[in-house]
């Protein structure tokens, strides 16, 4: 399964990447801005997108709108600026359900 991880904060990217690897996700593309993320998703059509809500360049809503316009359907988890442990637990539970 291919996953795209997009977060502007390096520490958060590293933490989320580690969490994904611990859940046996091995194909992870990591980005820090919305423009790179959107271009990659359009070209590669991954299964899952984990994206920071307020990602620089294009935010999560902008990217979802562009993908919908292009007819690309992708499971998306939007990371909001809450306590890190809360959203790490949420994402972990999401992967256990897939």
PDB file of N, CA and C in Angstrom:
ATOM      1  N   UNK A   1       0.844  -1.169   0.000  1.00  0.00           N
ATOM      2  CA  UNK A   1       0.000   0.000   0.000  1.00  0.00           C
ATOM      3  C   UNK A   1       0.893   1.236   0.000  1.00  0.00           C
ATOM      4  N   UNK A   2       0.609   2.183  -0.866  1.00  0.00           N
ATOM      5  CA  UNK A   2       1.389   3.407  -0.908  1.00  0.00           C
ATOM      6  C   UNK A   2       0.676   4.509  -0.142  1.00  0.00           C
ATOM      7  N   UNK A   3       1.445   5.199   0.697  1.00  0.00           N
ATOM      8  CA  UNK A   3       0.919   6.266   1.532  1.00  0.00           C
ATOM      9  C   UNK A   3       1.710   7.541   1.256  1.00  0.00           C
ATOM     10  N   UNK A   4       1.006   8.670   1.185  1.00  0.00           N
ATOM     11  CA  UNK A   4       1.658   9.972   1.096  1.00  0.00           C
ATOM     12  C   UNK A   4       1.455  10.672   2.429  1.00  0.00           C
ATOM     13  N   UNK A   5       2.551  11.166   2.967  1.00  0.00           N
ATOM     14  CA  UNK A   5       2.545  11.892   4.226  1.00  0.00           C
ATOM     15  C   UNK A   5       2.989  13.321   3.947  1.00  0.00           C
ATOM     16  N   UNK A   6       2.147  14.296   4.277  1.00  0.00           N
ATOM     17  CA  UNK A   6       2.457  15.699   4.012  1.00  0.00           C
ATOM     18  C   UNK A   6       2.271  16.517   5.283  1.00  0.00           C
ATOM     19  N   UNK A   7       3.384  17.018   5.801  1.00  0.00           N
ATOM     20  CA  UNK A   7       3.346  17.829   7.024  1.00  0.00           C
ATOM     21  C   UNK A   7       4.501  18.809   6.979  1.00  0.00           C
ATOM     22  N   UNK A   8       4.260  20.049   7.392  1.00  0.00           N
ATOM     23  CA  UNK A   8       5.292  21.083   7.312  1.00  0.00           C
ATOM     24  C   UNK A   8       6.325  20.983   8.427  1.00  0.00           C
ATOM     25  N   UNK A   9       5.969  20.367   9.541  1.00  0.00           N
ATOM     26  CA  UNK A   9       6.868  20.276  10.684  1.00  0.00           C
ATOM     27  C   UNK A   9       7.711  19.003  10.601  1.00  0.00           C
ATOM     28  N   UNK A  10       9.020  19.165  10.601  1.00  0.00           N
ATOM     29  CA  UNK A  10       9.911  18.010  10.448  1.00  0.00           C
ATOM     30  C   UNK A  10       9.730  16.990  11.561  1.00  0.00           C
ATOM     31  N   UNK A  11       9.582  17.444  12.775  1.00  0.00           N
ATOM     32  CA  UNK A  11       9.395  16.509  13.900  1.00  0.00           C
ATOM     33  C   UNK A  11       8.108  15.689  13.728  1.00  0.00           C
ATOM     34  N   UNK A  12       7.045  16.362  13.336  1.00  0.00           N
ATOM     35  CA  UNK A  12       5.775  15.659  13.116  1.00  0.00           C
ATOM     36  C   UNK A  12       5.887  14.671  11.960  1.00  0.00           C
ATOM     37  N   UNK A  13       6.568  15.091  10.865  1.00  0.00           N
ATOM     38  CA  UNK A  13       6.781  14.168   9.732  1.00  0.00           C
ATOM     39  C   UNK A  13       7.528  12.923  10.187  1.00  0.00           C
ATOM     40  N   UNK A  14       8.588  13.114  10.942  1.00  0.00           N
ATOM     41  CA  UNK A  14       9.379  11.976  11.404  1.00  0.00           C
ATOM     42  C   UNK A  14       8.585  11.058  12.323  1.00  0.00           C
ATOM     43  N   UNK A  15       7.794  11.655  13.210  1.00  0.00           N
ATOM     44  CA  UNK A  15       6.978  10.857  14.135  1.00  0.00           C
ATOM     45  C   UNK A  15       5.927  10.056  13.374  1.00  0.00           C
ATOM     46  N   UNK A  16       5.237  10.716  12.450  1.00  0.00           N
ATOM     47  CA  UNK A  16       4.221  10.020  11.660  1.00  0.00           C
ATOM     48  C   UNK A  16       4.850   8.935  10.782  1.00  0.00           C
ATOM     49  N   UNK A  17       5.988   9.220  10.204  1.00  0.00           N
ATOM     50  CA  UNK A  17       6.689   8.241   9.374  1.00  0.00           C
ATOM     51  C   UNK A  17       7.056   7.012  10.200  1.00  0.00           C
ATOM     52  N   UNK A  18       7.559   7.227  11.409  1.00  0.00           N
ATOM     53  CA  UNK A  18       7.905   6.118  12.301  1.00  0.00           C
ATOM     54  C   UNK A  18       6.666   5.299  12.647  1.00  0.00           C
ATOM     55  N   UNK A  19       5.560   5.982  12.921  1.00  0.00           N
ATOM     56  CA  UNK A  19       4.312   5.284  13.237  1.00  0.00           C
ATOM     57  C   UNK A  19       3.865   4.407  12.062  1.00  0.00           C
ATOM     58  N   UNK A  20       3.972   4.925  10.863  1.00  0.00           N
ATOM     59  CA  UNK A  20       3.590   4.151   9.686  1.00  0.00           C
ATOM     60  C   UNK A  20       4.493   2.933   9.513  1.00  0.00           C
ATOM     61  N   UNK A  21       5.785   3.125   9.698  1.00  0.00           N
ATOM     62  CA  UNK A  21       6.722   2.003   9.577  1.00  0.00           C
ATOM     63  C   UNK A  21       6.442   0.936  10.630  1.00  0.00           C
ATOM     64  N   UNK A  22       6.055   1.347  11.834  1.00  0.00           N
ATOM     65  CA  UNK A  22       5.716   0.401  12.897  1.00  0.00           C
ATOM     66  C   UNK A  22       4.454  -0.389  12.560  1.00  0.00           C
ATOM     67  N   UNK A  23       3.637   0.151  11.656  1.00  0.00           N
ATOM     68  CA  UNK A  23       2.421  -0.541  11.223  1.00  0.00           C
ATOM     69  C   UNK A  23       2.621  -1.220   9.865  1.00  0.00           C
ATOM     70  N   UNK A  24       3.882  -1.521   9.554  1.00  0.00           N
ATOM     71  CA  UNK A  24       4.263  -2.265   8.349  1.00  0.00           C
ATOM     72  C   UNK A  24       3.919  -1.573   7.039  1.00  0.00           C
ATOM     73  N   UNK A  25       3.830  -0.256   7.064  1.00  0.00           N
ATOM     74  CA  UNK A  25       3.664   0.507   5.832  1.00  0.00           C
ATOM     75  C   UNK A  25       5.068   0.836   5.334  1.00  0.00           C
ATOM     76  N   UNK A  26       5.426   0.342   4.173  1.00  0.00           N
ATOM     77  CA  UNK A  26       6.796   0.488   3.678  1.00  0.00           C
ATOM     78  C   UNK A  26       6.926   1.461   2.511  1.00  0.00           C
ATOM     79  N   UNK A  27       5.865   1.743   1.814  1.00  0.00           N
ATOM     80  CA  UNK A  27       5.924   2.665   0.668  1.00  0.00           C
ATOM     81  C   UNK A  27       5.335   3.998   1.098  1.00  0.00           C
ATOM     82  N   UNK A  28       6.215   4.882   1.587  1.00  0.00           N
ATOM     83  CA  UNK A  28       5.786   6.172   2.115  1.00  0.00           C
ATOM     84  C   UNK A  28       6.502   7.284   1.352  1.00  0.00           C
ATOM     85  N   UNK A  29       5.731   8.178   0.776  1.00  0.00           N
ATOM     86  CA  UNK A  29       6.289   9.369   0.141  1.00  0.00           C
ATOM     87  C   UNK A  29       6.023  10.543   1.081  1.00  0.00           C
ATOM     88  N   UNK A  30       7.066  11.303   1.396  1.00  0.00           N
ATOM     89  CA  UNK A  30       6.964  12.359   2.404  1.00  0.00           C
ATOM     90  C   UNK A  30       7.204  13.728   1.763  1.00  0.00           C
ATOM     91  N   UNK A  31       6.316  14.689   2.093  1.00  0.00           N
ATOM     92  CA  UNK A  31       6.411  16.038   1.544  1.00  0.00           C
ATOM     93  C   UNK A  31       6.168  17.066   2.634  1.00  0.00           C
ATOM     94  N   UNK A  32       6.655  18.312   2.388  1.00  0.00           N
ATOM     95  CA  UNK A  32       6.478  19.369   3.379  1.00  0.00           C
ATOM     96  C   UNK A  32       5.671  20.560   2.873  1.00  0.00           C
ATOM     97  N   UNK A  33       5.195  20.497   1.624  1.00  0.00           N
ATOM     98  CA  UNK A  33       4.311  21.570   1.153  1.00  0.00           C
ATOM     99  C   UNK A  33       3.240  21.011   0.222  1.00  0.00           C
ATOM    100  N   UNK A  34       2.190  21.809   0.047  1.00  0.00           N
ATOM    101  CA  UNK A  34       1.032  21.356  -0.702  1.00  0.00           C
ATOM    102  C   UNK A  34       1.251  21.189  -2.195  1.00  0.00           C
ATOM    103  N   UNK A  35       2.099  22.017  -2.784  1.00  0.00           N
ATOM    104  CA  UNK A  35       2.329  21.932  -4.233  1.00  0.00           C
ATOM    105  C   UNK A  35       3.005  20.603  -4.600  1.00  0.00           C
ATOM    106  N   UNK A  36       4.060  20.237  -3.862  1.00  0.00           N
ATOM    107  CA  UNK A  36       4.748  18.966  -4.117  1.00  0.00           C
ATOM    108  C   UNK A  36       3.808  17.785  -3.876  1.00  0.00           C
ATOM    109  N   UNK A  37       3.029  17.892  -2.816  1.00  0.00           N
ATOM    110  CA  UNK A  37       2.103  16.822  -2.465  1.00  0.00           C
ATOM    111  C   UNK A  37       1.085  16.592  -3.576  1.00  0.00           C
ATOM    112  N   UNK A  38       0.443  17.661  -4.030  1.00  0.00           N
ATOM    113  CA  UNK A  38      -0.579  17.544  -5.073  1.00  0.00           C
ATOM    114  C   UNK A  38       0.012  16.969  -6.355  1.00  0.00           C
ATOM    115  N   UNK A  39       1.162  17.457  -6.774  1.00  0.00           N
ATOM    116  CA  UNK A  39       1.783  16.961  -8.008  1.00  0.00           C
ATOM    117  C   UNK A  39       2.071  15.466  -7.904  1.00  0.00           C
ATOM    118  N   UNK A  40       2.576  15.028  -6.764  1.00  0.00           N
ATOM    119  CA  UNK A  40       2.894  13.611  -6.580  1.00  0.00           C
ATOM    120  C   UNK A  40       1.626  12.754  -6.583  1.00  0.00           C
ATOM    121  N   UNK A  41       0.609  13.200  -5.863  1.00  0.00           N
ATOM    122  CA  UNK A  41      -0.640  12.426  -5.772  1.00  0.00           C
ATOM    123  C   UNK A  41      -1.289  12.295  -7.144  1.00  0.00           C
ATOM    124  N   UNK A  42      -1.321  13.363  -7.919  1.00  0.00           N
ATOM    125  CA  UNK A  42      -1.918  13.303  -9.257  1.00  0.00           C
ATOM    126  C   UNK A  42      -1.168  12.309 -10.135  1.00  0.00           C
ATOM    127  N   UNK A  43       0.135  12.326 -10.055  1.00  0.00           N
ATOM    128  CA  UNK A  43       0.937  11.452 -10.912  1.00  0.00           C
ATOM    129  C   UNK A  43       0.943   9.990 -10.447  1.00  0.00           C
ATOM    130  N   UNK A  44       0.960   9.746  -9.137  1.00  0.00           N
ATOM    131  CA  UNK A  44       1.160   8.387  -8.621  1.00  0.00           C
ATOM    132  C   UNK A  44      -0.082   7.715  -8.042  1.00  0.00           C
ATOM    133  N   UNK A  45      -1.107   8.483  -7.743  1.00  0.00           N
ATOM    134  CA  UNK A  45      -2.379   7.969  -7.222  1.00  0.00           C
ATOM    135  C   UNK A  45      -2.200   6.939  -6.098  1.00  0.00           C
ATOM    136  N   UNK A  46      -1.663   7.383  -4.963  1.00  0.00           N
ATOM    137  CA  UNK A  46      -1.486   6.477  -3.824  1.00  0.00           C
ATOM    138  C   UNK A  46      -2.829   6.086  -3.210  1.00  0.00           C
ATOM    139  N   UNK A  47      -2.804   5.128  -2.306  1.00  0.00           N
ATOM    140  CA  UNK A  47      -4.040   4.656  -1.666  1.00  0.00           C
ATOM    141  C   UNK A  47      -4.499   5.582  -0.544  1.00  0.00           C
ATOM    142  N   UNK A  48      -3.532   6.157   0.191  1.00  0.00           N
ATOM    143  CA  UNK A  48      -3.862   6.949   1.376  1.00  0.00           C
ATOM    144  C   UNK A  48      -3.040   8.236   1.393  1.00  0.00           C
ATOM    145  N   UNK A  49      -3.683   9.325   1.809  1.00  0.00           N
ATOM    146  CA  UNK A  49      -3.027  10.616   1.979  1.00  0.00           C
ATOM    147  C   UNK A  49      -3.216  11.052   3.426  1.00  0.00           C
ATOM    148  N   UNK A  50      -2.107  11.270   4.119  1.00  0.00           N
ATOM    149  CA  UNK A  50      -2.136  11.838   5.470  1.00  0.00           C
ATOM    150  C   UNK A  50      -1.580  13.238   5.331  1.00  0.00           C
ATOM    151  N   UNK A  51      -2.409  14.223   5.621  1.00  0.00           N
ATOM    152  CA  UNK A  51      -2.034  15.603   5.306  1.00  0.00           C
ATOM    153  C   UNK A  51      -2.355  16.556   6.450  1.00  0.00           C
ATOM    154  N   UNK A  52      -1.429  17.468   6.689  1.00  0.00           N
ATOM    155  CA  UNK A  52      -1.631  18.526   7.671  1.00  0.00           C
ATOM    156  C   UNK A  52      -2.729  19.460   7.164  1.00  0.00           C
ATOM    157  N   UNK A  53      -3.623  19.828   8.038  1.00  0.00           N
ATOM    158  CA  UNK A  53      -4.747  20.677   7.644  1.00  0.00           C
ATOM    159  C   UNK A  53      -4.276  22.003   7.041  1.00  0.00           C
ATOM    160  N   UNK A  54      -3.293  22.630   7.640  1.00  0.00           N
ATOM    161  CA  UNK A  54      -2.830  23.945   7.193  1.00  0.00           C
ATOM    162  C   UNK A  54      -1.464  23.857   6.531  1.00  0.00           C
ATOM    163  N   UNK A  55      -1.295  22.907   5.657  1.00  0.00           N
ATOM    164  CA  UNK A  55      -0.039  22.706   4.947  1.00  0.00           C
ATOM    165  C   UNK A  55       0.302  23.948   4.123  1.00  0.00           C
ATOM    166  N   UNK A  56       1.568  24.401   4.147  1.00  0.00           N
ATOM    167  CA  UNK A  56       1.949  25.577   3.352  1.00  0.00           C
ATOM    168  C   UNK A  56       1.769  25.340   1.846  1.00  0.00           C
ATOM    169  N   UNK A  57       1.539  26.421   1.131  1.00  0.00           N
ATOM    170  CA  UNK A  57       1.342  26.319  -0.322  1.00  0.00           C
ATOM    171  C   UNK A  57      -0.114  26.068  -0.628  1.00  0.00           C
ATOM    172  N   UNK A  58      -0.497  24.831  -0.633  1.00  0.00           N
ATOM    173  CA  UNK A  58      -1.899  24.420  -0.768  1.00  0.00           C
ATOM    174  C   UNK A  58      -2.273  23.693   0.510  1.00  0.00           C
ATOM    175  N   UNK A  59      -3.368  24.088   1.138  1.00  0.00           N
ATOM    176  CA  UNK A  59      -3.776  23.390   2.360  1.00  0.00           C
ATOM    177  C   UNK A  59      -4.583  22.133   2.015  1.00  0.00           C
ATOM    178  N   UNK A  60      -4.987  21.403   3.034  1.00  0.00           N
ATOM    179  CA  UNK A  60      -5.692  20.133   2.819  1.00  0.00           C
ATOM    180  C   UNK A  60      -6.969  20.309   2.005  1.00  0.00           C
ATOM    181  N   UNK A  61      -7.724  21.362   2.281  1.00  0.00           N
ATOM    182  CA  UNK A  61      -8.969  21.598   1.544  1.00  0.00           C
ATOM    183  C   UNK A  61      -8.684  21.883   0.070  1.00  0.00           C
ATOM    184  N   UNK A  62      -7.663  22.695  -0.199  1.00  0.00           N
ATOM    185  CA  UNK A  62      -7.287  22.994  -1.585  1.00  0.00           C
ATOM    186  C   UNK A  62      -6.914  21.721  -2.342  1.00  0.00           C
ATOM    187  N   UNK A  63      -6.141  20.868  -1.690  1.00  0.00           N
ATOM    188  CA  UNK A  63      -5.698  19.631  -2.329  1.00  0.00           C
ATOM    189  C   UNK A  63      -6.871  18.700  -2.570  1.00  0.00           C
ATOM    190  N   UNK A  64      -7.750  18.567  -1.583  1.00  0.00           N
ATOM    191  CA  UNK A  64      -8.923  17.712  -1.771  1.00  0.00           C
ATOM    192  C   UNK A  64      -9.810  18.228  -2.909  1.00  0.00           C
ATOM    193  N   UNK A  65      -9.969  19.540  -3.005  1.00  0.00           N
ATOM    194  CA  UNK A  65     -10.761  20.127  -4.081  1.00  0.00           C
ATOM    195  C   UNK A  65     -10.143  19.822  -5.442  1.00  0.00           C
ATOM    196  N   UNK A  66      -8.831  19.997  -5.550  1.00  0.00           N
ATOM    197  CA  UNK A  66      -8.139  19.726  -6.816  1.00  0.00           C
ATOM    198  C   UNK A  66      -8.243  18.252  -7.203  1.00  0.00           C
ATOM    199  N   UNK A  67      -8.109  17.360  -6.227  1.00  0.00           N
ATOM    200  CA  UNK A  67      -8.203  15.924  -6.521  1.00  0.00           C
ATOM    201  C   UNK A  67      -9.614  15.541  -6.956  1.00  0.00           C
ATOM    202  N   UNK A  68     -10.592  16.110  -6.295  1.00  0.00           N
ATOM    203  CA  UNK A  68     -11.988  15.836  -6.672  1.00  0.00           C
ATOM    204  C   UNK A  68     -12.252  16.323  -8.095  1.00  0.00           C
ATOM    205  N   UNK A  69     -11.749  17.508  -8.440  1.00  0.00           N
ATOM    206  CA  UNK A  69     -11.903  18.068  -9.781  1.00  0.00           C
ATOM    207  C   UNK A  69     -11.274  17.146 -10.830  1.00  0.00           C
ATOM    208  N   UNK A  70     -10.146  16.534 -10.503  1.00  0.00           N
ATOM    209  CA  UNK A  70      -9.461  15.620 -11.429  1.00  0.00           C
ATOM    210  C   UNK A  70     -10.046  14.208 -11.391  1.00  0.00           C
ATOM    211  N   UNK A  71     -11.012  13.967 -10.503  1.00  0.00           N
ATOM    212  CA  UNK A  71     -11.637  12.650 -10.412  1.00  0.00           C
ATOM    213  C   UNK A  71     -10.789  11.616  -9.694  1.00  0.00           C
ATOM    214  N   UNK A  72      -9.860  12.061  -8.875  1.00  0.00           N
ATOM    215  CA  UNK A  72      -8.990  11.142  -8.136  1.00  0.00           C
ATOM    216  C   UNK A  72      -9.579  10.915  -6.755  1.00  0.00           C
ATOM    217  N   UNK A  73      -9.860   9.649  -6.457  1.00  0.00           N
ATOM    218  CA  UNK A  73     -10.410   9.286  -5.155  1.00  0.00           C
ATOM    219  C   UNK A  73      -9.290   8.674  -4.321  1.00  0.00           C
ATOM    220  N   UNK A  74      -9.131   9.178  -3.105  1.00  0.00           N
ATOM    221  CA  UNK A  74      -8.070   8.719  -2.223  1.00  0.00           C
ATOM    222  C   UNK A  74      -8.557   8.824  -0.782  1.00  0.00           C
ATOM    223  N   UNK A  75      -8.260   7.817   0.024  1.00  0.00           N
ATOM    224  CA  UNK A  75      -8.578   7.889   1.444  1.00  0.00           C
ATOM    225  C   UNK A  75      -7.665   8.942   2.054  1.00  0.00           C
ATOM    226  N   UNK A  76      -8.264   9.874   2.803  1.00  0.00           N
ATOM    227  CA  UNK A  76      -7.509  10.989   3.349  1.00  0.00           C
ATOM    228  C   UNK A  76      -7.699  11.084   4.849  1.00  0.00           C
ATOM    229  N   UNK A  77      -6.588  11.283   5.540  1.00  0.00           N
ATOM    230  CA  UNK A  77      -6.603  11.574   6.968  1.00  0.00           C
ATOM    231  C   UNK A  77      -6.023  12.968   7.112  1.00  0.00           C
ATOM    232  N   UNK A  78      -6.814  13.886   7.659  1.00  0.00           N
ATOM    233  CA  UNK A  78      -6.350  15.255   7.846  1.00  0.00           C
ATOM    234  C   UNK A  78      -5.868  15.410   9.285  1.00  0.00           C
ATOM    235  N   UNK A  79      -4.624  15.846   9.421  1.00  0.00           N
ATOM    236  CA  UNK A  79      -4.013  16.047  10.733  1.00  0.00           C
ATOM    237  C   UNK A  79      -4.253  17.495  11.135  1.00  0.00           C
ATOM    238  N   UNK A  80      -4.942  17.662  12.237  1.00  0.00           N
ATOM    239  CA  UNK A  80      -5.243  19.003  12.733  1.00  0.00           C
ATOM    240  C   UNK A  80      -4.269  19.357  13.858  1.00  0.00           C
ATOM    241  N   UNK A  81      -4.122  20.632  14.164  1.00  0.00           N
ATOM    242  CA  UNK A  81      -3.138  21.050  15.171  1.00  0.00           C
ATOM    243  C   UNK A  81      -3.589  20.817  16.611  1.00  0.00           C
ATOM    244  N   UNK A  82      -3.884  19.566  16.932  1.00  0.00           N
ATOM    245  CA  UNK A  82      -4.211  19.194  18.302  1.00  0.00           C
ATOM    246  C   UNK A  82      -2.994  18.547  18.929  1.00  0.00           C
ATOM    247  N   UNK A  83      -3.183  18.058  20.105  1.00  0.00           N
ATOM    248  CA  UNK A  83      -2.130  17.338  20.809  1.00  0.00           C
ATOM    249  C   UNK A  83      -1.630  16.181  19.955  1.00  0.00           C
ATOM    250  N   UNK A  84      -0.326  16.074  19.774  1.00  0.00           N
ATOM    251  CA  UNK A  84       0.270  15.044  18.916  1.00  0.00           C
ATOM    252  C   UNK A  84      -0.168  13.638  19.289  1.00  0.00           C
ATOM    253  N   UNK A  85      -0.238  13.333  20.573  1.00  0.00           N
ATOM    254  CA  UNK A  85      -0.575  11.966  20.971  1.00  0.00           C
ATOM    255  C   UNK A  85      -1.979  11.593  20.523  1.00  0.00           C
ATOM    256  N   UNK A  86      -2.906  12.568  20.487  1.00  0.00           N
ATOM    257  CA  UNK A  86      -4.270  12.288  20.058  1.00  0.00           C
ATOM    258  C   UNK A  86      -4.305  11.874  18.596  1.00  0.00           C
ATOM    259  N   UNK A  87      -3.680  12.652  17.729  1.00  0.00           N
ATOM    260  CA  UNK A  87      -3.788  12.298  16.322  1.00  0.00           C
ATOM    261  C   UNK A  87      -2.917  11.127  15.959  1.00  0.00           C
ATOM    262  N   UNK A  88      -1.849  10.857  16.698  1.00  0.00           N
ATOM    263  CA  UNK A  88      -1.058   9.655  16.438  1.00  0.00           C
ATOM    264  C   UNK A  88      -1.902   8.412  16.733  1.00  0.00           C
ATOM    265  N   UNK A  89      -2.649   8.463  17.833  1.00  0.00           N
ATOM    266  CA  UNK A  89      -3.522   7.348  18.188  1.00  0.00           C
ATOM    267  C   UNK A  89      -4.606   7.178  17.130  1.00  0.00           C
ATOM    268  N   UNK A  90      -5.203   8.277  16.662  1.00  0.00           N
ATOM    269  CA  UNK A  90      -6.242   8.224  15.642  1.00  0.00           C
ATOM    270  C   UNK A  90      -5.716   7.571  14.365  1.00  0.00           C
ATOM    271  N   UNK A  91      -4.553   7.999  13.919  1.00  0.00           N
ATOM    272  CA  UNK A  91      -3.983   7.446  12.686  1.00  0.00           C
ATOM    273  C   UNK A  91      -3.637   5.980  12.867  1.00  0.00           C
ATOM    274  N   UNK A  92      -3.107   5.616  14.016  1.00  0.00           N
ATOM    275  CA  UNK A  92      -2.794   4.229  14.288  1.00  0.00           C
ATOM    276  C   UNK A  92      -4.054   3.362  14.189  1.00  0.00           C
ATOM    277  N   UNK A  93      -5.145   3.840  14.755  1.00  0.00           N
ATOM    278  CA  UNK A  93      -6.410   3.100  14.698  1.00  0.00           C
ATOM    279  C   UNK A  93      -6.930   3.008  13.262  1.00  0.00           C
ATOM    280  N   UNK A  94      -6.743   4.067  12.471  1.00  0.00           N
ATOM    281  CA  UNK A  94      -7.177   4.048  11.080  1.00  0.00           C
ATOM    282  C   UNK A  94      -6.473   2.950  10.307  1.00  0.00           C
ATOM    283  N   UNK A  95      -5.175   2.782  10.532  1.00  0.00           N
ATOM    284  CA  UNK A  95      -4.436   1.766   9.795  1.00  0.00           C
ATOM    285  C   UNK A  95      -4.801   0.366  10.236  1.00  0.00           C
ATOM    286  N   UNK A  96      -5.177   0.191  11.478  1.00  0.00           N
ATOM    287  CA  UNK A  96      -5.596  -1.119  11.931  1.00  0.00           C
ATOM    288  C   UNK A  96      -6.913  -1.535  11.282  1.00  0.00           C
ATOM    289  N   UNK A  97      -7.698  -0.551  10.855  1.00  0.00           N
ATOM    290  CA  UNK A  97      -8.996  -0.839  10.222  1.00  0.00           C
ATOM    291  C   UNK A  97      -8.871  -1.122   8.738  1.00  0.00           C
ATOM    292  N   UNK A  98      -7.744  -0.800   8.119  1.00  0.00           N
ATOM    293  CA  UNK A  98      -7.624  -0.962   6.660  1.00  0.00           C
ATOM    294  C   UNK A  98      -7.352  -2.385   6.271  1.00  0.00           C
TER     295      UNK A  98
END
